[in-house]
Amino acid sequence: MTPQTTKVVGYTTGVYDLFHIGHLNVLLRASALCDSLVVGVTTDELSVSRKGKRPLMPYAERAEIVGNLRFVDAVVPQASMDKMQAWRDVRFDRMFVGDDWKGTDAWNRYERDFRLVGVQIVYLPYTEHTSSTLLRKKVHGG
């Protein structure tokens, strides 16, 4: 009788507007640390309510791009910032986030909350030399 193996489900989120190398790096690193990677792509409405701006690319296009990466197993809409609700919906074992969030009050709280349900928070290196915000500034001549 062979032992039953448990698949490790990973989860990460992002807007993924103007998809760039930083996005690719995070998703590649995350996929290497789990058996199945689920990506929450932020809806247009959540982006407007959180950041005060609509993504340049609509949700459907951003989700299509992320979903067609060979190492992404599923894409779900991120319509809320409630990470525990995302866990209840997806049932992930590891949550991946950029290391620029490490030590913040919000992520310290997420670490405590997720520890109670057996979820590990994994901080991945943030690509400092590029971001969608920097790309927007370059496009607009800033």
C-alpha atoms as a PDB file:
ATOM      1  CA  MET A   1       0.000   0.000   0.000  1.00  0.00           C
ATOM      2  CA  THR A   2       1.445   3.378  -0.992  1.00  0.00           C
ATOM      3  CA  PRO A   3       1.188   6.334   1.359  1.00  0.00           C
ATOM      4  CA  GLN A   4      -1.259   9.000   0.312  1.00  0.00           C
ATOM      5  CA  THR A   5       0.452  12.240  -0.620  1.00  0.00           C
ATOM      6  CA  THR A   6      -1.140  15.584   0.060  1.00  0.00           C
ATOM      7  CA  LYS A   7      -0.959  18.223  -2.626  1.00  0.00           C
ATOM      8  CA  VAL A   8       0.210  21.591  -1.367  1.00  0.00           C
ATOM      9  CA  VAL A   9      -2.084  24.304  -2.718  1.00  0.00           C
ATOM     10  CA  GLY A  10      -0.556  27.763  -3.012  1.00  0.00           C
ATOM     11  CA  TYR A  11      -2.390  31.058  -3.345  1.00  0.00           C
ATOM     12  CA  THR A  12      -1.348  34.562  -4.255  1.00  0.00           C
ATOM     13  CA  THR A  13      -3.104  37.693  -5.433  1.00  0.00           C
ATOM     14  CA  GLY A  14      -2.438  40.752  -7.520  1.00  0.00           C
ATOM     15  CA  VAL A  15      -3.873  43.212  -9.976  1.00  0.00           C
ATOM     16  CA  TYR A  16      -1.466  42.084 -12.735  1.00  0.00           C
ATOM     17  CA  ASP A  17      -2.033  45.247 -14.748  1.00  0.00           C
ATOM     18  CA  LEU A  18       0.594  45.768 -17.434  1.00  0.00           C
ATOM     19  CA  PHE A  19       1.980  42.278 -16.759  1.00  0.00           C
ATOM     20  CA  HIS A  20       5.755  42.535 -16.254  1.00  0.00           C
ATOM     21  CA  ILE A  21       8.826  40.621 -15.075  1.00  0.00           C
ATOM     22  CA  GLY A  22       8.071  41.274 -11.402  1.00  0.00           C
ATOM     23  CA  HIS A  23       4.710  39.532 -11.784  1.00  0.00           C
ATOM     24  CA  LEU A  24       6.366  36.661 -13.622  1.00  0.00           C
ATOM     25  CA  ASN A  25       9.070  36.306 -10.947  1.00  0.00           C
ATOM     26  CA  VAL A  26       6.562  36.097  -8.091  1.00  0.00           C
ATOM     27  CA  LEU A  27       4.355  33.578  -9.881  1.00  0.00           C
ATOM     28  CA  LEU A  28       7.313  31.409 -10.930  1.00  0.00           C
ATOM     29  CA  ARG A  29       8.755  31.400  -7.412  1.00  0.00           C
ATOM     30  CA  ALA A  30       5.366  30.646  -5.881  1.00  0.00           C
ATOM     31  CA  SER A  31       4.687  27.788  -8.287  1.00  0.00           C
ATOM     32  CA  ALA A  32       8.017  26.183  -7.370  1.00  0.00           C
ATOM     33  CA  LEU A  33       6.920  26.059  -3.711  1.00  0.00           C
ATOM     34  CA  CYS A  34       3.592  24.285  -4.149  1.00  0.00           C
ATOM     35  CA  ASP A  35       1.944  21.546  -6.189  1.00  0.00           C
ATOM     36  CA  SER A  36      -0.961  23.655  -7.420  1.00  0.00           C
ATOM     37  CA  LEU A  37      -0.985  27.448  -7.727  1.00  0.00           C
ATOM     38  CA  VAL A  38      -4.237  29.409  -7.524  1.00  0.00           C
ATOM     39  CA  VAL A  39      -4.026  33.111  -8.367  1.00  0.00           C
ATOM     40  CA  GLY A  40      -6.555  35.701  -7.247  1.00  0.00           C
ATOM     41  CA  VAL A  41      -6.696  38.454  -9.864  1.00  0.00           C
ATOM     42  CA  THR A  42      -8.069  41.692  -8.431  1.00  0.00           C
ATOM     43  CA  THR A  43     -11.338  42.807  -9.984  1.00  0.00           C
ATOM     44  CA  ASP A  44     -11.616  46.248 -11.551  1.00  0.00           C
ATOM     45  CA  GLU A  45     -14.064  47.299  -8.826  1.00  0.00           C
ATOM     46  CA  LEU A  46     -11.755  46.287  -5.977  1.00  0.00           C
ATOM     47  CA  SER A  47      -8.845  48.066  -7.637  1.00  0.00           C
ATOM     48  CA  VAL A  48     -10.873  51.283  -7.887  1.00  0.00           C
ATOM     49  CA  SER A  49     -12.038  51.045  -4.271  1.00  0.00           C
ATOM     50  CA  ARG A  50      -8.539  50.213  -2.897  1.00  0.00           C
ATOM     51  CA  LYS A  51      -6.224  52.218  -5.155  1.00  0.00           C
ATOM     52  CA  GLY A  52      -8.549  54.872  -6.538  1.00  0.00           C
ATOM     53  CA  LYS A  53      -7.799  53.919 -10.131  1.00  0.00           C
ATOM     54  CA  ARG A  54      -9.107  51.510 -12.719  1.00  0.00           C
ATOM     55  CA  PRO A  55      -6.535  49.139 -14.200  1.00  0.00           C
ATOM     56  CA  LEU A  56      -5.526  49.943 -17.775  1.00  0.00           C
ATOM     57  CA  MET A  57      -6.399  46.377 -18.759  1.00  0.00           C
ATOM     58  CA  PRO A  58      -9.859  45.041 -17.831  1.00  0.00           C
ATOM     59  CA  TYR A  59     -10.186  42.142 -15.402  1.00  0.00           C
ATOM     60  CA  ALA A  60     -11.074  39.585 -18.094  1.00  0.00           C
ATOM     61  CA  GLU A  61      -7.858  40.308 -20.032  1.00  0.00           C
ATOM     62  CA  ARG A  62      -5.657  40.270 -16.932  1.00  0.00           C
ATOM     63  CA  ALA A  63      -7.214  36.984 -15.780  1.00  0.00           C
ATOM     64  CA  GLU A  64      -6.743  35.508 -19.268  1.00  0.00           C
ATOM     65  CA  ILE A  65      -3.036  36.399 -19.306  1.00  0.00           C
ATOM     66  CA  VAL A  66      -2.370  34.976 -15.829  1.00  0.00           C
ATOM     67  CA  GLY A  67      -4.500  31.900 -16.484  1.00  0.00           C
ATOM     68  CA  ASN A  68      -2.545  31.019 -19.597  1.00  0.00           C
ATOM     69  CA  LEU A  69       0.782  30.752 -17.784  1.00  0.00           C
ATOM     70  CA  ARG A  70       1.720  27.060 -17.758  1.00  0.00           C
ATOM     71  CA  PHE A  71       2.551  27.088 -14.035  1.00  0.00           C
ATOM     72  CA  VAL A  72      -0.742  28.680 -12.907  1.00  0.00           C
ATOM     73  CA  ASP A  73      -3.364  26.027 -12.209  1.00  0.00           C
ATOM     74  CA  ALA A  74      -6.396  28.244 -11.593  1.00  0.00           C
ATOM     75  CA  VAL A  75      -7.426  31.889 -11.563  1.00  0.00           C
ATOM     76  CA  VAL A  76     -10.151  33.239  -9.291  1.00  0.00           C
ATOM     77  CA  PRO A  77     -11.449  36.789  -8.969  1.00  0.00           C
ATOM     78  CA  GLN A  78     -10.249  38.715  -5.935  1.00  0.00           C
ATOM     79  CA  ALA A  79     -13.305  40.857  -5.239  1.00  0.00           C
ATOM     80  CA  SER A  80     -12.501  41.447  -1.558  1.00  0.00           C
ATOM     81  CA  MET A  81      -9.432  41.968   0.608  1.00  0.00           C
ATOM     82  CA  ASP A  82     -10.758  39.351   3.074  1.00  0.00           C
ATOM     83  CA  LYS A  83      -7.918  36.797   2.941  1.00  0.00           C
ATOM     84  CA  MET A  84      -9.699  34.412   5.327  1.00  0.00           C
ATOM     85  CA  GLN A  85     -12.693  34.318   2.985  1.00  0.00           C
ATOM     86  CA  ALA A  86     -10.304  33.503   0.158  1.00  0.00           C
ATOM     87  CA  TRP A  87      -8.968  30.632   2.282  1.00  0.00           C
ATOM     88  CA  ARG A  88     -12.508  29.372   2.930  1.00  0.00           C
ATOM     89  CA  ASP A  89     -13.175  29.484  -0.832  1.00  0.00           C
ATOM     90  CA  VAL A  90      -9.871  28.020  -2.095  1.00  0.00           C
ATOM     91  CA  ARG A  91      -8.487  26.047   0.915  1.00  0.00           C
ATOM     92  CA  PHE A  92      -4.838  26.816   0.238  1.00  0.00           C
ATOM     93  CA  ASP A  93      -1.922  25.628   2.358  1.00  0.00           C
ATOM     94  CA  ARG A  94       0.526  28.425   1.550  1.00  0.00           C
ATOM     95  CA  MET A  95      -0.073  32.058   0.774  1.00  0.00           C
ATOM     96  CA  PHE A  96       2.581  33.899  -1.197  1.00  0.00           C
ATOM     97  CA  VAL A  97       3.136  37.633  -0.875  1.00  0.00           C
ATOM     98  CA  GLY A  98       5.893  40.107  -1.723  1.00  0.00           C
ATOM     99  CA  ASP A  99       8.480  40.632   0.995  1.00  0.00           C
ATOM    100  CA  ASP A 100       7.733  44.357   0.938  1.00  0.00           C
ATOM    101  CA  TRP A 101       4.683  43.484   3.113  1.00  0.00           C
ATOM    102  CA  LYS A 102       6.662  41.536   5.751  1.00  0.00           C
ATOM    103  CA  GLY A 103       6.425  43.028   9.226  1.00  0.00           C
ATOM    104  CA  THR A 104       3.440  45.264   8.467  1.00  0.00           C
ATOM    105  CA  ASP A 105       0.574  45.278  10.949  1.00  0.00           C
ATOM    106  CA  ALA A 106      -1.800  43.725   8.401  1.00  0.00           C
ATOM    107  CA  TRP A 107       0.512  40.856   7.497  1.00  0.00           C
ATOM    108  CA  ASN A 108       1.515  40.206  11.112  1.00  0.00           C
ATOM    109  CA  ARG A 109      -2.214  39.775  11.774  1.00  0.00           C
ATOM    110  CA  TYR A 110      -2.617  37.496   8.727  1.00  0.00           C
ATOM    111  CA  GLU A 111       0.281  35.363   9.976  1.00  0.00           C
ATOM    112  CA  ARG A 112      -1.456  34.907  13.349  1.00  0.00           C
ATOM    113  CA  ASP A 113      -4.867  34.191  11.789  1.00  0.00           C
ATOM    114  CA  PHE A 114      -3.552  31.777   9.179  1.00  0.00           C
ATOM    115  CA  ARG A 115      -1.372  29.907  11.685  1.00  0.00           C
ATOM    116  CA  LEU A 116      -4.637  28.866  13.407  1.00  0.00           C
ATOM    117  CA  VAL A 117      -5.825  27.091  10.233  1.00  0.00           C
ATOM    118  CA  GLY A 118      -2.424  25.675   9.278  1.00  0.00           C
ATOM    119  CA  VAL A 119      -1.590  28.091   6.453  1.00  0.00           C
ATOM    120  CA  GLN A 120       2.005  29.193   5.983  1.00  0.00           C
ATOM    121  CA  ILE A 121       2.709  32.731   4.734  1.00  0.00           C
ATOM    122  CA  VAL A 122       5.701  32.750   2.377  1.00  0.00           C
ATOM    123  CA  TYR A 123       7.318  36.085   1.557  1.00  0.00           C
ATOM    124  CA  LEU A 124       8.882  36.281  -1.890  1.00  0.00           C
ATOM    125  CA  PRO A 125      11.428  38.848  -3.125  1.00  0.00           C
ATOM    126  CA  TYR A 126       9.831  41.978  -4.534  1.00  0.00           C
ATOM    127  CA  THR A 127      11.233  43.115  -7.895  1.00  0.00           C
ATOM    128  CA  GLU A 128      12.178  46.704  -7.050  1.00  0.00           C
ATOM    129  CA  HIS A 129      13.236  47.945 -10.465  1.00  0.00           C
ATOM    130  CA  THR A 130       9.807  47.518 -12.046  1.00  0.00           C
ATOM    131  CA  SER A 131       6.148  47.840 -11.148  1.00  0.00           C
ATOM    132  CA  SER A 132       2.932  48.678 -12.940  1.00  0.00           C
ATOM    133  CA  THR A 133       3.056  52.108 -11.269  1.00  0.00           C
ATOM    134  CA  LEU A 134       6.557  52.770 -12.692  1.00  0.00           C
ATOM    135  CA  LEU A 135       5.451  51.551 -16.125  1.00  0.00           C
ATOM    136  CA  ARG A 136       2.423  53.873 -16.044  1.00  0.00           C
ATOM    137  CA  LYS A 137       4.717  56.818 -15.258  1.00  0.00           C
ATOM    138  CA  LYS A 138       7.022  55.941 -18.156  1.00  0.00           C
ATOM    139  CA  VAL A 139       4.106  55.644 -20.562  1.00  0.00           C
ATOM    140  CA  HIS A 140       2.698  59.008 -19.453  1.00  0.00           C
ATOM    141  CA  GLY A 141       6.106  60.694 -19.687  1.00  0.00           C
ATOM    142  CA  GLY A 142       6.686  60.902 -15.926  1.00  0.00           C
END
